[in-house]
Structure formats: C-alpha cells, structure tokens
Protein backbone atom coordinates (compact mmCIF):
# COMPACT_ATOMS: atom_id res chain seq x y z
CA MET A 1 140.34 -13.10 -34.31
CA ALA A 2 141.36 -15.70 -36.81
CA ILE A 3 139.36 -13.97 -39.42
CA LEU A 4 140.65 -10.77 -39.08
CA THR A 5 144.28 -12.34 -38.67
CA ILE A 6 143.25 -13.85 -42.31
CA LEU A 7 142.51 -10.50 -43.48
CA TYR A 8 145.31 -8.49 -42.28
CA ILE A 9 147.12 -11.03 -44.26
CA LEU A 10 145.12 -10.48 -47.34
CA VAL A 11 145.31 -6.48 -47.53
CA PHE A 12 149.58 -6.77 -46.56
CA VAL A 13 149.44 -9.43 -49.83
CA ILE A 14 147.66 -6.91 -52.11
CA PHE A 15 150.15 -4.05 -50.93
CA ALA A 16 152.92 -6.05 -51.76
CA LEU A 17 151.45 -7.26 -55.01
CA VAL A 18 151.01 -3.44 -55.79
CA GLY A 19 154.10 -2.32 -54.77
CA TYR A 20 155.72 -4.94 -56.78
CA ALA A 21 154.17 -3.99 -59.69
CA ILE A 22 155.28 -0.67 -59.03
CA LEU A 23 158.29 -1.38 -58.42
CA GLN A 24 158.84 -3.80 -61.80
CA ILE A 25 157.53 -0.82 -64.17
CA LYS A 26 159.92 1.66 -62.05
CA LEU A 27 163.06 -0.90 -63.09
CA PHE A 28 161.86 -1.26 -66.74
CA GLY A 29 162.27 2.79 -66.99
CA MET A 30 158.36 3.90 -67.12
CA ASN A 31 156.44 6.15 -64.72
CA VAL A 32 152.90 4.31 -63.50
CA LYS A 33 151.26 7.29 -65.19
CA ASP A 34 152.79 5.93 -68.72
CA PHE A 35 152.33 2.73 -68.12
CA TRP A 36 148.46 3.67 -66.94
CA SER A 37 147.51 6.00 -70.27
CA PHE A 38 149.20 2.72 -72.06
CA ILE A 39 146.85 0.74 -70.62
CA GLN A 40 143.64 2.95 -71.36
CA ALA A 41 145.22 4.15 -75.11
CA ASN A 42 145.99 -0.49 -75.65
CA GLN A 43 141.35 -0.03 -74.84
CA ILE A 44 141.67 3.11 -77.74
CA LEU A 45 143.50 1.29 -79.72
CA ASP A 46 141.50 -1.41 -80.07
CA LYS A 47 138.02 0.38 -80.81
CA LEU A 48 140.43 2.60 -83.30
CA TYR A 49 141.06 -0.50 -85.40
CA ASN A 50 137.67 -1.50 -85.68
CA PHE A 51 136.35 1.93 -86.54
CA ALA A 52 139.09 2.11 -89.02
CA LYS A 53 137.95 -0.35 -91.26
CA TYR A 54 134.79 2.27 -92.53
CA TYR A 55 137.11 5.19 -91.83
CA GLU A 56 135.72 6.26 -95.62
CA LYS A 57 132.40 6.41 -94.79
CA MET A 58 133.35 8.89 -92.24
CA SER A 59 131.97 12.23 -91.82
CA THR A 60 134.11 15.18 -91.17
CA GLN A 61 133.25 15.66 -87.26
CA GLN A 62 134.17 11.84 -87.03
CA GLN A 63 137.42 12.26 -88.91
CA ILE A 64 138.39 14.97 -86.42
CA ILE A 65 137.51 12.79 -83.63
CA TYR A 66 139.41 10.00 -85.29
CA LEU A 67 142.23 12.03 -85.81
CA ALA A 68 142.54 13.16 -82.35
CA GLU A 69 142.08 9.81 -80.34
CA ALA A 70 144.59 8.18 -82.71
CA GLU A 71 147.01 10.71 -81.95
CA LYS A 72 146.76 10.16 -77.84
CA VAL A 73 147.53 6.63 -78.67
CA PHE A 74 150.27 7.25 -80.38
CA ASP A 75 151.62 9.67 -77.86
CA ALA A 76 150.66 6.70 -74.79
CA PHE A 77 152.76 4.27 -76.99
CA ASP A 78 155.34 6.30 -77.79
CA LYS A 79 156.48 6.60 -74.20
CA VAL A 80 156.70 2.82 -73.17
CA PRO A 81 159.32 0.43 -74.77
CA ASN A 82 158.68 -1.68 -77.84
CA ALA A 83 158.72 -4.85 -76.34
CA LEU A 84 155.69 -4.14 -74.22
CA TRP A 85 153.61 -3.10 -77.66
CA GLU A 86 154.84 -5.50 -80.08
CA ASP A 87 151.51 -8.06 -79.71
CA GLU A 88 149.49 -4.71 -80.79
CA TYR A 89 151.97 -3.49 -83.82
CA ASP A 90 149.65 -4.79 -86.76
CA LYS A 91 146.74 -3.03 -85.20
CA TYR A 92 148.43 0.17 -84.82
CA ASN A 93 149.90 0.01 -87.74
CA GLU A 94 146.68 -0.30 -89.41
CA VAL A 95 145.43 2.52 -87.46
CA LEU A 96 148.52 4.68 -88.30
CA SER A 97 148.06 4.05 -92.00
CA LYS A 98 144.48 5.38 -91.67
CA TYR A 99 145.31 8.10 -89.58
CA LYS A 100 147.79 8.92 -92.93
CA ASP A 101 145.10 8.52 -95.41
CA ILE A 102 142.55 10.62 -93.24
CA LYS A 103 145.25 13.33 -92.92
CA MET A 104 146.09 13.19 -96.79
CA LEU A 105 142.41 13.40 -97.26
CA ARG A 106 141.61 16.65 -95.59
CA TRP A 107 144.77 18.08 -96.55
CA ALA A 108 144.08 17.24 -100.24
CA SER A 109 140.34 18.66 -99.63
CA ASN A 110 141.93 22.11 -98.09
C-alpha cells in the first residue's frame, strides 16, 4: 500500500511539473508547439554549424539540403523570443552567413 501511495505521489509530481512547464511557456507568450520546434531546431543548428565549415566542398544536392534545413532552423528561431537563444547567436550567425554564401553561389551559377 505504501508503494502505491508513493507511486501516486510521483505521478502527481510529474504531472505538476509538466503543467508548470507548459504554464511558463504560455506566460512567456509562446505556443508549446513552437517551443518544441525550437528545441528540435537547436539540434539541427548544431549539426549545420559543424557542417557549415565544409560547405565549399558540398555537392549541389548537399547545398539544397543545407538550405532547406537552415530555413527550418530560421523559421523555428523566429517564433521564439531572442532571449531564449542568445547563447546560440554565434552558431546562428555562422549558419546564416553560410546560407547567404550558398544562395549567392547558386544565384551566380544560374
């Protein structure tokens, strides 16, 4: 019986923490879906940042994939306040710079 009571308390605490997190996201003026896409975009940003160092060696198909993934990241970052991602600003700026370079190279080649 004591184990069951502890289990109920733990489940209640978990739901309370999730509810509190959702409340904080809502109070910050965001949707939970936008926040979740921001978290996923952060992971993509890290990959793109590492990949951006070698963008000149990319094939046309890799450039297209890079551009598409970068646009997803930019859209997700635009939906959240800047205060959330100020730590990632340098990576974001580097990815944006490479994005612009690739766009210019593709535009110049056409």
